[in-house]
Amino acid sequence: MYGGSFNPLHQGHVRCIIEAANQCRELHVIISCGINRNEIEPRIRYRWIYQLTKHIGNVKIHFLEDDAAEKVAYTKEYWHSDAQKVKSMIGKPIDVVFCGSDYDENSFWNQCYEESELYIIERDGVSSTEVRKNPYAHWDWIPNVVKPYFTKKVLLIGGESTGKSTLTINLANYYNTNYVDEAGREISERSGTDLLMLSSDFTDILLTHKMNELEAVKHSNKVLFIDTDCLITMFYIDFLEDPQNEKQKNKALADAISDLTHYDLVFYLEPDVEFVQDGDRSEVIASDREKYGNQIKYLFDKRGIEYISVRGNYQERFISVTSRVDKLLNIVNKAL
């Protein structure tokens, strides 16, 4: 048996699980869950361990709940009571109890499982407590399967020709991570012009963009940058004609996606840089950028989604956004 709270799972746990599984016919991993403590949802922790062990074949995972309000309240009474629950859960003699070297021979493992051999696996200084304090300062301690849980998502929105796409890519390059491009750019040109889009094109944009985001967050380095979202698509659903009269269906889909999505920072790029016509941008929007920009803001305002207005030239925008992202990631004096 090997147990822990795995709140969160880190590389020290991974080493212990692998070494323990290597040395026994059957390894039972016990996830300790404090139902009255502010811990990562148990099913999330279960999935992390399952994804890391499913190929091994001899690992079984169990939940062990306790109602202690905090870790210091987890007294000896809990230890012995929970040990009996574990023994009952496993249903057969436990030959060996594995633990990391953050415990010793005098730990509760020996006190509660006297009939079992205690096997201590050498571990470095990796600590769930330290990871929780600042996961971004200990990113290498976090398994790849866990990193998406901590990855921050930063959304850039605004009207046409406000520098969203360029800034999104610049930010991804600066933070050595990836980004989600605007899905509508390519899809809207299936007929050569966005003036002849089909209703199904908007459905495709909404679903493709969301799926691209879900995939990208799995491979991001601390932060993921996203160029536009479903509410920007909703703006264009209203702005462009739809002879098939399916606007309401696509707007309902956009609303549903918005309700299911959370961004850690949202930046609205104000239309105070020069409008550049790249061949497919709307001259109608160009003629009154403030008006259409306010329509975009309204979509976010009425849903209570907070955003930070970004103004100035391209350099000022870059500095403004990176200062906020650095704070989000607890980065101090990021080296240039």
C-alpha atoms as a PDB file:
ATOM      1  CA  MET A   1       0.000   0.000   0.000  1.00  0.00           C
ATOM      2  CA  TYR A   2       1.073   3.562  -0.703  1.00  0.00           C
ATOM      3  CA  GLY A   3      -1.022   6.470   0.550  1.00  0.00           C
ATOM      4  CA  GLY A   4      -1.129  10.233   0.474  1.00  0.00           C
ATOM      5  CA  SER A   5      -3.352  13.215  -0.161  1.00  0.00           C
ATOM      6  CA  PHE A   6      -1.723  13.926  -3.555  1.00  0.00           C
ATOM      7  CA  ASN A   7      -2.928  17.519  -3.200  1.00  0.00           C
ATOM      8  CA  PRO A   8      -1.476  17.953  -5.751  1.00  0.00           C
ATOM      9  CA  LEU A   9       0.313  14.928  -7.152  1.00  0.00           C
ATOM     10  CA  HIS A  10       4.000  15.755  -7.760  1.00  0.00           C
ATOM     11  CA  GLN A  11       7.105  14.043  -9.122  1.00  0.00           C
ATOM     12  CA  GLY A  12       8.073  12.722  -5.696  1.00  0.00           C
ATOM     13  CA  HIS A  13       4.787  10.826  -5.574  1.00  0.00           C
ATOM     14  CA  VAL A  14       5.345   9.571  -9.116  1.00  0.00           C
ATOM     15  CA  ARG A  15       8.720   8.092  -8.192  1.00  0.00           C
ATOM     16  CA  CYS A  16       7.273   6.396  -5.102  1.00  0.00           C
ATOM     17  CA  ILE A  17       4.354   4.910  -7.039  1.00  0.00           C
ATOM     18  CA  ILE A  18       6.631   3.552  -9.789  1.00  0.00           C
ATOM     19  CA  GLU A  19       9.157   2.065  -7.373  1.00  0.00           C
ATOM     20  CA  ALA A  20       6.422   0.557  -5.206  1.00  0.00           C
ATOM     21  CA  ALA A  21       4.580  -0.948  -8.193  1.00  0.00           C
ATOM     22  CA  ASN A  22       7.874  -2.383  -9.458  1.00  0.00           C
ATOM     23  CA  GLN A  23       8.319  -4.399  -6.277  1.00  0.00           C
ATOM     24  CA  CYS A  24       4.955  -6.007  -5.636  1.00  0.00           C
ATOM     25  CA  ARG A  25       2.280  -8.087  -7.309  1.00  0.00           C
ATOM     26  CA  GLU A  26      -0.480  -5.681  -6.292  1.00  0.00           C
ATOM     27  CA  LEU A  27      -0.160  -2.041  -5.240  1.00  0.00           C
ATOM     28  CA  HIS A  28      -3.047  -0.239  -3.567  1.00  0.00           C
ATOM     29  CA  VAL A  29      -2.806   3.564  -3.766  1.00  0.00           C
ATOM     30  CA  ILE A  30      -4.909   5.329  -1.137  1.00  0.00           C
ATOM     31  CA  ILE A  31      -6.039   8.910  -1.807  1.00  0.00           C
ATOM     32  CA  SER A  32      -6.684  10.667   1.501  1.00  0.00           C
ATOM     33  CA  CYS A  33      -9.555  13.144   1.046  1.00  0.00           C
ATOM     34  CA  GLY A  34     -10.416  15.787   3.625  1.00  0.00           C
ATOM     35  CA  ILE A  35     -14.084  16.471   2.939  1.00  0.00           C
ATOM     36  CA  ASN A  36     -14.022  19.553   5.203  1.00  0.00           C
ATOM     37  CA  ARG A  37     -10.710  20.877   3.900  1.00  0.00           C
ATOM     38  CA  ASN A  38     -10.180  23.006   0.821  1.00  0.00           C
ATOM     39  CA  GLU A  39      -8.516  20.345  -1.311  1.00  0.00           C
ATOM     40  CA  ILE A  40      -8.376  19.589  -5.013  1.00  0.00           C
ATOM     41  CA  GLU A  41     -11.476  17.635  -6.023  1.00  0.00           C
ATOM     42  CA  PRO A  42     -10.864  13.917  -5.308  1.00  0.00           C
ATOM     43  CA  ARG A  43     -11.951  12.748  -8.775  1.00  0.00           C
ATOM     44  CA  ILE A  44      -9.328  15.001 -10.337  1.00  0.00           C
ATOM     45  CA  ARG A  45      -6.631  13.480  -8.134  1.00  0.00           C
ATOM     46  CA  TYR A  46      -7.901   9.984  -8.944  1.00  0.00           C
ATOM     47  CA  ARG A  47      -7.639  10.684 -12.673  1.00  0.00           C
ATOM     48  CA  TRP A  48      -4.070  11.952 -12.339  1.00  0.00           C
ATOM     49  CA  ILE A  49      -2.986   8.734 -10.642  1.00  0.00           C
ATOM     50  CA  TYR A  50      -4.998   6.566 -13.009  1.00  0.00           C
ATOM     51  CA  GLN A  51      -3.464   8.216 -16.084  1.00  0.00           C
ATOM     52  CA  LEU A  52       0.027   7.637 -14.675  1.00  0.00           C
ATOM     53  CA  THR A  53      -0.545   4.001 -13.692  1.00  0.00           C
ATOM     54  CA  LYS A  54      -3.072   2.513 -16.132  1.00  0.00           C
ATOM     55  CA  HIS A  55      -0.292   0.986 -18.255  1.00  0.00           C
ATOM     56  CA  ILE A  56       1.297  -0.797 -15.281  1.00  0.00           C
ATOM     57  CA  GLY A  57      -1.552  -3.214 -14.615  1.00  0.00           C
ATOM     58  CA  ASN A  58      -1.093  -3.952 -10.918  1.00  0.00           C
ATOM     59  CA  VAL A  59      -2.229  -0.663  -9.366  1.00  0.00           C
ATOM     60  CA  LYS A  60      -5.613  -0.199  -7.665  1.00  0.00           C
ATOM     61  CA  ILE A  61      -6.755   3.215  -6.443  1.00  0.00           C
ATOM     62  CA  HIS A  62      -9.043   3.918  -3.468  1.00  0.00           C
ATOM     63  CA  PHE A  63     -10.571   6.971  -1.768  1.00  0.00           C
ATOM     64  CA  LEU A  64     -10.244   7.420   1.995  1.00  0.00           C
ATOM     65  CA  GLU A  65     -12.366  10.255   3.384  1.00  0.00           C
ATOM     66  CA  ASP A  66     -12.002  12.003   6.734  1.00  0.00           C
ATOM     67  CA  ASP A  67     -13.869  14.950   8.255  1.00  0.00           C
ATOM     68  CA  ALA A  68     -10.972  16.722   9.994  1.00  0.00           C
ATOM     69  CA  ALA A  69     -11.221  20.481   9.435  1.00  0.00           C
ATOM     70  CA  GLU A  70      -7.459  20.830   8.886  1.00  0.00           C
ATOM     71  CA  LYS A  71      -4.369  18.650   8.692  1.00  0.00           C
ATOM     72  CA  VAL A  72      -3.262  19.421  12.281  1.00  0.00           C
ATOM     73  CA  ALA A  73      -6.638  18.104  13.487  1.00  0.00           C
ATOM     74  CA  TYR A  74      -5.887  14.721  11.911  1.00  0.00           C
ATOM     75  CA  THR A  75      -5.022  13.103  15.238  1.00  0.00           C
ATOM     76  CA  LYS A  76      -3.983   9.590  16.267  1.00  0.00           C
ATOM     77  CA  GLU A  77      -7.659   8.663  16.607  1.00  0.00           C
ATOM     78  CA  TYR A  78      -8.057   9.363  12.900  1.00  0.00           C
ATOM     79  CA  TRP A  79      -4.871   7.427  12.105  1.00  0.00           C
ATOM     80  CA  HIS A  80      -6.014   4.199  13.677  1.00  0.00           C
ATOM     81  CA  SER A  81      -9.633   4.502  12.539  1.00  0.00           C
ATOM     82  CA  ASP A  82      -8.587   5.190   8.960  1.00  0.00           C
ATOM     83  CA  ALA A  83      -6.023   2.390   8.987  1.00  0.00           C
ATOM     84  CA  GLN A  84      -8.834  -0.035   9.793  1.00  0.00           C
ATOM     85  CA  LYS A  85     -10.854   1.394   6.889  1.00  0.00           C
ATOM     86  CA  VAL A  86      -7.882   0.884   4.550  1.00  0.00           C
ATOM     87  CA  LYS A  87      -7.365  -2.707   5.687  1.00  0.00           C
ATOM     88  CA  SER A  88     -11.058  -3.413   5.145  1.00  0.00           C
ATOM     89  CA  MET A  89     -10.989  -1.679   1.764  1.00  0.00           C
ATOM     90  CA  ILE A  90      -8.054  -3.776   0.525  1.00  0.00           C
ATOM     91  CA  GLY A  91      -9.558  -6.934   2.026  1.00  0.00           C
ATOM     92  CA  LYS A  92      -6.364  -8.926   2.343  1.00  0.00           C
ATOM     93  CA  PRO A  93      -3.133  -8.744   4.377  1.00  0.00           C
ATOM     94  CA  ILE A  94      -0.911  -5.774   3.544  1.00  0.00           C
ATOM     95  CA  ASP A  95       2.622  -7.160   3.281  1.00  0.00           C
ATOM     96  CA  VAL A  96       4.382  -3.847   2.742  1.00  0.00           C
ATOM     97  CA  VAL A  97       3.515  -0.205   3.399  1.00  0.00           C
ATOM     98  CA  PHE A  98       5.513   2.136   1.154  1.00  0.00           C
ATOM     99  CA  CYS A  99       6.223   5.746   2.052  1.00  0.00           C
ATOM    100  CA  GLY A 100       8.565   8.507   0.995  1.00  0.00           C
ATOM    101  CA  SER A 101      11.635   9.559   2.949  1.00  0.00           C
ATOM    102  CA  ASP A 102       9.735  12.571   4.300  1.00  0.00           C
ATOM    103  CA  TYR A 103       8.563   9.970   6.870  1.00  0.00           C
ATOM    104  CA  ASP A 104      10.690   7.771   9.145  1.00  0.00           C
ATOM    105  CA  GLU A 105      10.403   4.633  11.266  1.00  0.00           C
ATOM    106  CA  ASN A 106       8.494   6.556  13.970  1.00  0.00           C
ATOM    107  CA  SER A 107       5.768   7.783  11.648  1.00  0.00           C
ATOM    108  CA  PHE A 108       2.107   6.774  11.882  1.00  0.00           C
ATOM    109  CA  TRP A 109       2.696   4.266   9.076  1.00  0.00           C
ATOM    110  CA  ASN A 110       4.576   2.045  11.527  1.00  0.00           C
ATOM    111  CA  GLN A 111       2.166   2.780  14.363  1.00  0.00           C
ATOM    112  CA  CYS A 112      -0.965   1.905  12.358  1.00  0.00           C
ATOM    113  CA  TYR A 113       0.378  -0.954  10.255  1.00  0.00           C
ATOM    114  CA  GLU A 114       2.560  -2.826  12.732  1.00  0.00           C
ATOM    115  CA  GLU A 115       1.922  -6.140  11.003  1.00  0.00           C
ATOM    116  CA  SER A 116       3.320  -4.785   7.696  1.00  0.00           C
ATOM    117  CA  GLU A 117       6.885  -4.145   6.634  1.00  0.00           C
ATOM    118  CA  LEU A 118       7.653  -0.431   6.214  1.00  0.00           C
ATOM    119  CA  TYR A 119       9.606   0.353   3.040  1.00  0.00           C
ATOM    120  CA  ILE A 120      10.914   3.915   2.780  1.00  0.00           C
ATOM    121  CA  ILE A 121      11.632   5.219  -0.720  1.00  0.00           C
ATOM    122  CA  GLU A 122      14.249   7.960  -1.029  1.00  0.00           C
ATOM    123  CA  ARG A 123      12.752  11.217  -2.239  1.00  0.00           C
ATOM    124  CA  ASP A 124      14.099  14.694  -2.883  1.00  0.00           C
ATOM    125  CA  GLY A 125      12.602  17.839  -1.363  1.00  0.00           C
ATOM    126  CA  VAL A 126       9.460  17.917  -3.467  1.00  0.00           C
ATOM    127  CA  SER A 127       6.474  18.992  -1.388  1.00  0.00           C
ATOM    128  CA  SER A 128       2.761  19.381  -2.140  1.00  0.00           C
ATOM    129  CA  THR A 129       2.661  22.286   0.293  1.00  0.00           C
ATOM    130  CA  GLU A 130       5.344  24.171  -1.643  1.00  0.00           C
ATOM    131  CA  VAL A 131       3.651  23.391  -4.970  1.00  0.00           C
ATOM    132  CA  ARG A 132       0.359  24.758  -3.651  1.00  0.00           C
ATOM    133  CA  LYS A 133       2.062  27.947  -2.474  1.00  0.00           C
ATOM    134  CA  ASN A 134       3.484  28.676  -5.921  1.00  0.00           C
ATOM    135  CA  PRO A 135       3.067  26.009  -8.606  1.00  0.00           C
ATOM    136  CA  TYR A 136       4.787  28.205 -11.214  1.00  0.00           C
ATOM    137  CA  ALA A 137       7.999  28.443  -9.178  1.00  0.00           C
ATOM    138  CA  HIS A 138       8.029  24.622  -8.929  1.00  0.00           C
ATOM    139  CA  TRP A 139       6.800  23.773 -12.415  1.00  0.00           C
ATOM    140  CA  ASP A 140       9.366  20.995 -12.903  1.00  0.00           C
ATOM    141  CA  TRP A 141       7.987  19.235  -9.841  1.00  0.00           C
ATOM    142  CA  ILE A 142       4.554  18.939 -11.443  1.00  0.00           C
ATOM    143  CA  PRO A 143       3.812  15.912 -13.665  1.00  0.00           C
ATOM    144  CA  ASN A 144       2.631  16.686 -17.187  1.00  0.00           C
ATOM    145  CA  VAL A 145      -0.750  15.127 -16.436  1.00  0.00           C
ATOM    146  CA  VAL A 146      -1.233  17.645 -13.593  1.00  0.00           C
ATOM    147  CA  LYS A 147       0.046  20.803 -15.302  1.00  0.00           C
ATOM    148  CA  PRO A 148      -3.226  21.636 -17.132  1.00  0.00           C
ATOM    149  CA  TYR A 149      -4.922  22.006 -13.729  1.00  0.00           C
ATOM    150  CA  PHE A 150      -2.584  24.885 -12.867  1.00  0.00           C
ATOM    151  CA  THR A 151      -2.236  26.395 -16.342  1.00  0.00           C
ATOM    152  CA  LYS A 152      -3.635  29.925 -16.473  1.00  0.00           C
ATOM    153  CA  LYS A 153      -5.728  30.984 -19.451  1.00  0.00           C
ATOM    154  CA  VAL A 154      -5.414  34.524 -20.797  1.00  0.00           C
ATOM    155  CA  LEU A 155      -7.928  35.775 -23.372  1.00  0.00           C
ATOM    156  CA  LEU A 156      -7.374  38.676 -25.760  1.00  0.00           C
ATOM    157  CA  ILE A 157     -10.454  40.307 -27.256  1.00  0.00           C
ATOM    158  CA  GLY A 158     -11.313  43.409 -29.269  1.00  0.00           C
ATOM    159  CA  GLY A 159     -12.478  44.605 -32.640  1.00  0.00           C
ATOM    160  CA  GLU A 160     -10.732  44.212 -35.957  1.00  0.00           C
ATOM    161  CA  SER A 161      -7.188  45.503 -36.418  1.00  0.00           C
ATOM    162  CA  THR A 162      -6.441  46.086 -32.750  1.00  0.00           C
ATOM    163  CA  GLY A 163      -3.331  43.879 -32.789  1.00  0.00           C
ATOM    164  CA  LYS A 164      -4.847  40.826 -31.059  1.00  0.00           C
ATOM    165  CA  SER A 165      -3.283  38.161 -33.239  1.00  0.00           C
ATOM    166  CA  THR A 166       0.210  39.660 -33.224  1.00  0.00           C
ATOM    167  CA  LEU A 167       0.141  40.294 -29.484  1.00  0.00           C
ATOM    168  CA  THR A 168      -1.158  36.776 -28.774  1.00  0.00           C
ATOM    169  CA  ILE A 169       1.757  35.205 -30.651  1.00  0.00           C
ATOM    170  CA  ASN A 170       4.278  37.625 -29.121  1.00  0.00           C
ATOM    171  CA  LEU A 171       3.057  36.725 -25.628  1.00  0.00           C
ATOM    172  CA  ALA A 172       3.249  32.997 -26.329  1.00  0.00           C
ATOM    173  CA  ASN A 173       6.816  33.416 -27.599  1.00  0.00           C
ATOM    174  CA  TYR A 174       7.784  35.601 -24.633  1.00  0.00           C
ATOM    175  CA  TYR A 175       6.464  33.130 -22.050  1.00  0.00           C
ATOM    176  CA  ASN A 176       7.738  30.132 -24.049  1.00  0.00           C
ATOM    177  CA  THR A 177       4.298  28.597 -24.297  1.00  0.00           C
ATOM    178  CA  ASN A 178       1.625  28.071 -26.934  1.00  0.00           C
ATOM    179  CA  TYR A 179      -1.500  29.896 -28.037  1.00  0.00           C
ATOM    180  CA  VAL A 180      -4.894  29.360 -29.631  1.00  0.00           C
ATOM    181  CA  ASP A 181      -5.358  31.125 -32.937  1.00  0.00           C
ATOM    182  CA  GLU A 182      -8.647  32.636 -34.036  1.00  0.00           C
ATOM    183  CA  ALA A 183     -10.523  29.712 -35.634  1.00  0.00           C
ATOM    184  CA  GLY A 184     -12.846  32.006 -37.567  1.00  0.00           C
ATOM    185  CA  ARG A 185     -10.141  33.495 -39.752  1.00  0.00           C
ATOM    186  CA  GLU A 186      -9.855  30.449 -42.022  1.00  0.00           C
ATOM    187  CA  ILE A 187     -13.399  29.107 -41.684  1.00  0.00           C
ATOM    188  CA  SER A 188     -14.999  32.450 -42.569  1.00  0.00           C
ATOM    189  CA  GLU A 189     -13.253  32.417 -45.957  1.00  0.00           C
ATOM    190  CA  ARG A 190     -14.656  29.123 -47.208  1.00  0.00           C
ATOM    191  CA  SER A 191     -16.689  31.086 -49.755  1.00  0.00           C
ATOM    192  CA  GLY A 192     -13.898  33.575 -50.357  1.00  0.00           C
ATOM    193  CA  THR A 193     -15.598  36.244 -48.217  1.00  0.00           C
ATOM    194  CA  ASP A 194     -17.230  36.403 -44.799  1.00  0.00           C
ATOM    195  CA  LEU A 195     -20.229  38.085 -46.454  1.00  0.00           C
ATOM    196  CA  LEU A 196     -21.317  34.699 -47.825  1.00  0.00           C
ATOM    197  CA  MET A 197     -20.870  32.583 -44.699  1.00  0.00           C
ATOM    198  CA  LEU A 198     -23.282  29.757 -43.892  1.00  0.00           C
ATOM    199  CA  SER A 199     -24.853  29.180 -40.484  1.00  0.00           C
ATOM    200  CA  SER A 200     -22.872  25.964 -40.215  1.00  0.00           C
ATOM    201  CA  ASP A 201     -19.658  28.006 -40.507  1.00  0.00           C
ATOM    202  CA  PHE A 202     -20.435  29.754 -37.214  1.00  0.00           C
ATOM    203  CA  THR A 203     -21.202  26.426 -35.552  1.00  0.00           C
ATOM    204  CA  ASP A 204     -17.884  25.126 -36.840  1.00  0.00           C
ATOM    205  CA  ILE A 205     -16.018  28.202 -35.565  1.00  0.00           C
ATOM    206  CA  LEU A 206     -17.517  27.900 -32.076  1.00  0.00           C
ATOM    207  CA  LEU A 207     -16.801  24.194 -31.717  1.00  0.00           C
ATOM    208  CA  THR A 208     -13.375  24.242 -33.399  1.00  0.00           C
ATOM    209  CA  HIS A 209     -12.121  27.134 -31.293  1.00  0.00           C
ATOM    210  CA  LYS A 210     -13.243  25.471 -28.052  1.00  0.00           C
ATOM    211  CA  MET A 211     -11.707  22.118 -29.014  1.00  0.00           C
ATOM    212  CA  ASN A 212      -8.443  23.842 -29.980  1.00  0.00           C
ATOM    213  CA  GLU A 213      -8.357  25.458 -26.547  1.00  0.00           C
ATOM    214  CA  LEU A 214      -9.035  22.178 -24.727  1.00  0.00           C
ATOM    215  CA  GLU A 215      -6.205  20.516 -26.631  1.00  0.00           C
ATOM    216  CA  ALA A 216      -3.723  23.390 -26.284  1.00  0.00           C
ATOM    217  CA  VAL A 217      -4.075  23.623 -22.495  1.00  0.00           C
ATOM    218  CA  LYS A 218      -2.712  20.056 -22.210  1.00  0.00           C
ATOM    219  CA  HIS A 219       0.663  21.179 -23.587  1.00  0.00           C
ATOM    220  CA  SER A 220       1.079  24.712 -22.230  1.00  0.00           C
ATOM    221  CA  ASN A 221       3.913  26.073 -20.134  1.00  0.00           C
ATOM    222  CA  LYS A 222       2.191  27.709 -17.133  1.00  0.00           C
ATOM    223  CA  VAL A 223      -0.043  29.939 -19.275  1.00  0.00           C
ATOM    224  CA  LEU A 224      -2.104  29.661 -22.466  1.00  0.00           C
ATOM    225  CA  PHE A 225      -2.966  32.686 -24.606  1.00  0.00           C
ATOM    226  CA  ILE A 226      -6.231  32.672 -26.572  1.00  0.00           C
ATOM    227  CA  ASP A 227      -7.058  34.955 -29.499  1.00  0.00           C
ATOM    228  CA  THR A 228     -10.825  35.792 -29.290  1.00  0.00           C
ATOM    229  CA  ASP A 229     -13.582  33.582 -27.925  1.00  0.00           C
ATOM    230  CA  CYS A 230     -17.194  32.476 -28.433  1.00  0.00           C
ATOM    231  CA  LEU A 231     -18.602  35.900 -27.510  1.00  0.00           C
ATOM    232  CA  ILE A 232     -16.595  37.566 -30.263  1.00  0.00           C
ATOM    233  CA  THR A 233     -18.085  34.969 -32.613  1.00  0.00           C
ATOM    234  CA  MET A 234     -21.517  35.905 -31.233  1.00  0.00           C
ATOM    235  CA  PHE A 235     -20.827  39.525 -32.173  1.00  0.00           C
ATOM    236  CA  TYR A 236     -20.161  38.470 -35.776  1.00  0.00           C
ATOM    237  CA  ILE A 237     -23.232  36.217 -35.802  1.00  0.00           C
ATOM    238  CA  ASP A 238     -25.268  39.398 -35.224  1.00  0.00           C
ATOM    239  CA  PHE A 239     -23.135  41.613 -37.426  1.00  0.00           C
ATOM    240  CA  LEU A 240     -23.196  39.422 -40.549  1.00  0.00           C
ATOM    241  CA  GLU A 241     -26.286  38.350 -42.442  1.00  0.00           C
ATOM    242  CA  ASP A 242     -27.676  34.843 -42.021  1.00  0.00           C
ATOM    243  CA  PRO A 243     -30.132  33.991 -44.809  1.00  0.00           C
ATOM    244  CA  GLN A 244     -30.657  30.571 -43.218  1.00  0.00           C
ATOM    245  CA  ASN A 245     -32.120  32.233 -40.094  1.00  0.00           C
ATOM    246  CA  GLU A 246     -30.185  30.078 -37.650  1.00  0.00           C
ATOM    247  CA  LYS A 247     -28.688  32.910 -35.603  1.00  0.00           C
ATOM    248  CA  GLN A 248     -30.485  31.972 -32.390  1.00  0.00           C
ATOM    249  CA  LYS A 249     -29.187  28.388 -32.432  1.00  0.00           C
ATOM    250  CA  ASN A 250     -25.592  29.516 -32.837  1.00  0.00           C
ATOM    251  CA  LYS A 251     -26.011  32.259 -30.232  1.00  0.00           C
ATOM    252  CA  ALA A 252     -27.380  29.660 -27.795  1.00  0.00           C
ATOM    253  CA  LEU A 253     -24.327  27.501 -28.507  1.00  0.00           C
ATOM    254  CA  ALA A 254     -22.024  30.494 -27.912  1.00  0.00           C
ATOM    255  CA  ASP A 255     -23.789  31.193 -24.612  1.00  0.00           C
ATOM    256  CA  ALA A 256     -23.422  27.570 -23.523  1.00  0.00           C
ATOM    257  CA  ILE A 257     -19.700  27.552 -24.322  1.00  0.00           C
ATOM    258  CA  SER A 258     -19.248  30.849 -22.479  1.00  0.00           C
ATOM    259  CA  ASP A 259     -20.982  29.445 -19.379  1.00  0.00           C
ATOM    260  CA  LEU A 260     -18.623  26.449 -19.381  1.00  0.00           C
ATOM    261  CA  THR A 261     -15.446  28.498 -19.850  1.00  0.00           C
ATOM    262  CA  HIS A 262     -13.322  30.445 -17.382  1.00  0.00           C
ATOM    263  CA  TYR A 263     -10.404  32.753 -18.157  1.00  0.00           C
ATOM    264  CA  ASP A 264      -7.966  33.966 -15.518  1.00  0.00           C
ATOM    265  CA  LEU A 265      -7.355  37.259 -17.313  1.00  0.00           C
ATOM    266  CA  VAL A 266      -9.260  38.944 -20.141  1.00  0.00           C
ATOM    267  CA  PHE A 267      -7.702  41.861 -22.020  1.00  0.00           C
ATOM    268  CA  TYR A 268      -9.786  44.123 -24.233  1.00  0.00           C
ATOM    269  CA  LEU A 269      -7.616  45.865 -26.823  1.00  0.00           C
ATOM    270  CA  GLU A 270      -9.010  49.332 -27.426  1.00  0.00           C
ATOM    271  CA  PRO A 271      -9.292  50.549 -31.060  1.00  0.00           C
ATOM    272  CA  ASP A 272      -6.717  53.313 -30.587  1.00  0.00           C
ATOM    273  CA  VAL A 273      -4.094  51.972 -32.992  1.00  0.00           C
ATOM    274  CA  GLU A 274      -4.204  52.547 -36.725  1.00  0.00           C
ATOM    275  CA  PHE A 275      -6.718  50.436 -38.644  1.00  0.00           C
ATOM    276  CA  VAL A 276      -4.863  48.280 -41.179  1.00  0.00           C
ATOM    277  CA  GLN A 277      -6.866  46.834 -44.068  1.00  0.00           C
ATOM    278  CA  ASP A 278      -5.440  43.409 -44.832  1.00  0.00           C
ATOM    279  CA  GLY A 279      -8.028  42.610 -47.484  1.00  0.00           C
ATOM    280  CA  ASP A 280     -10.810  40.960 -45.494  1.00  0.00           C
ATOM    281  CA  ARG A 281     -11.558  43.443 -42.702  1.00  0.00           C
ATOM    282  CA  SER A 282     -14.892  45.259 -42.578  1.00  0.00           C
ATOM    283  CA  GLU A 283     -14.944  48.860 -43.737  1.00  0.00           C
ATOM    284  CA  VAL A 284     -18.237  49.226 -41.853  1.00  0.00           C
ATOM    285  CA  ILE A 285     -16.472  48.419 -38.573  1.00  0.00           C
ATOM    286  CA  ALA A 286     -13.530  50.604 -39.607  1.00  0.00           C
ATOM    287  CA  SER A 287     -15.880  53.576 -40.030  1.00  0.00           C
ATOM    288  CA  ASP A 288     -16.984  53.479 -36.365  1.00  0.00           C
ATOM    289  CA  ARG A 289     -14.608  51.325 -34.347  1.00  0.00           C
ATOM    290  CA  GLU A 290     -15.765  52.767 -31.011  1.00  0.00           C
ATOM    291  CA  LYS A 291     -19.402  51.836 -31.668  1.00  0.00           C
ATOM    292  CA  TYR A 292     -18.687  48.230 -32.590  1.00  0.00           C
ATOM    293  CA  GLY A 293     -16.106  47.904 -29.856  1.00  0.00           C
ATOM    294  CA  ASN A 294     -18.751  48.926 -27.329  1.00  0.00           C
ATOM    295  CA  GLN A 295     -21.039  46.211 -28.698  1.00  0.00           C
ATOM    296  CA  ILE A 296     -18.324  43.657 -27.951  1.00  0.00           C
ATOM    297  CA  LYS A 297     -17.846  45.080 -24.457  1.00  0.00           C
ATOM    298  CA  TYR A 298     -21.588  44.819 -23.839  1.00  0.00           C
ATOM    299  CA  LEU A 299     -21.545  41.074 -24.507  1.00  0.00           C
ATOM    300  CA  PHE A 300     -18.976  40.646 -21.727  1.00  0.00           C
ATOM    301  CA  ASP A 301     -20.511  43.237 -19.398  1.00  0.00           C
ATOM    302  CA  LYS A 302     -23.958  41.667 -19.362  1.00  0.00           C
ATOM    303  CA  ARG A 303     -22.455  38.298 -18.412  1.00  0.00           C
ATOM    304  CA  GLY A 304     -20.394  39.823 -15.621  1.00  0.00           C
ATOM    305  CA  ILE A 305     -17.095  38.898 -17.281  1.00  0.00           C
ATOM    306  CA  GLU A 306     -14.426  41.340 -16.144  1.00  0.00           C
ATOM    307  CA  TYR A 307     -11.821  42.553 -18.626  1.00  0.00           C
ATOM    308  CA  ILE A 308      -8.867  44.924 -18.541  1.00  0.00           C
ATOM    309  CA  SER A 309      -8.812  47.680 -21.149  1.00  0.00           C
ATOM    310  CA  VAL A 310      -5.456  47.993 -22.888  1.00  0.00           C
ATOM    311  CA  ARG A 311      -4.533  51.217 -24.674  1.00  0.00           C
ATOM    312  CA  GLY A 312      -1.508  52.819 -26.290  1.00  0.00           C
ATOM    313  CA  ASN A 313       0.995  51.831 -28.919  1.00  0.00           C
ATOM    314  CA  TYR A 314       2.156  48.265 -29.444  1.00  0.00           C
ATOM    315  CA  GLN A 315       5.035  48.538 -26.996  1.00  0.00           C
ATOM    316  CA  GLU A 316       2.821  50.048 -24.301  1.00  0.00           C
ATOM    317  CA  ARG A 317       0.285  47.270 -24.817  1.00  0.00           C
ATOM    318  CA  PHE A 318       2.942  44.587 -24.529  1.00  0.00           C
ATOM    319  CA  ILE A 319       4.308  46.060 -21.288  1.00  0.00           C
ATOM    320  CA  SER A 320       0.821  46.518 -19.838  1.00  0.00           C
ATOM    321  CA  VAL A 321      -0.238  42.938 -20.547  1.00  0.00           C
ATOM    322  CA  THR A 322       3.030  41.255 -19.469  1.00  0.00           C
ATOM    323  CA  SER A 323       3.035  43.124 -16.156  1.00  0.00           C
ATOM    324  CA  ARG A 324      -0.384  41.645 -15.369  1.00  0.00           C
ATOM    325  CA  VAL A 325       0.541  38.157 -16.539  1.00  0.00           C
ATOM    326  CA  ASP A 326       3.750  38.246 -14.456  1.00  0.00           C
ATOM    327  CA  LYS A 327       1.662  39.035 -11.390  1.00  0.00           C
ATOM    328  CA  LEU A 328      -0.740  36.210 -12.259  1.00  0.00           C
ATOM    329  CA  LEU A 329       2.190  33.753 -12.425  1.00  0.00           C
ATOM    330  CA  ASN A 330       3.960  35.204  -9.356  1.00  0.00           C
ATOM    331  CA  ILE A 331       6.923  36.172 -11.511  1.00  0.00           C
ATOM    332  CA  VAL A 332       9.214  38.797 -10.002  1.00  0.00           C
ATOM    333  CA  ASN A 333      11.725  40.670 -12.170  1.00  0.00           C
ATOM    334  CA  LYS A 334      11.370  38.398 -15.204  1.00  0.00           C
ATOM    335  CA  ALA A 335      14.679  38.494 -17.043  1.00  0.00           C
ATOM    336  CA  LEU A 336      14.619  39.872 -20.587  1.00  0.00           C
END
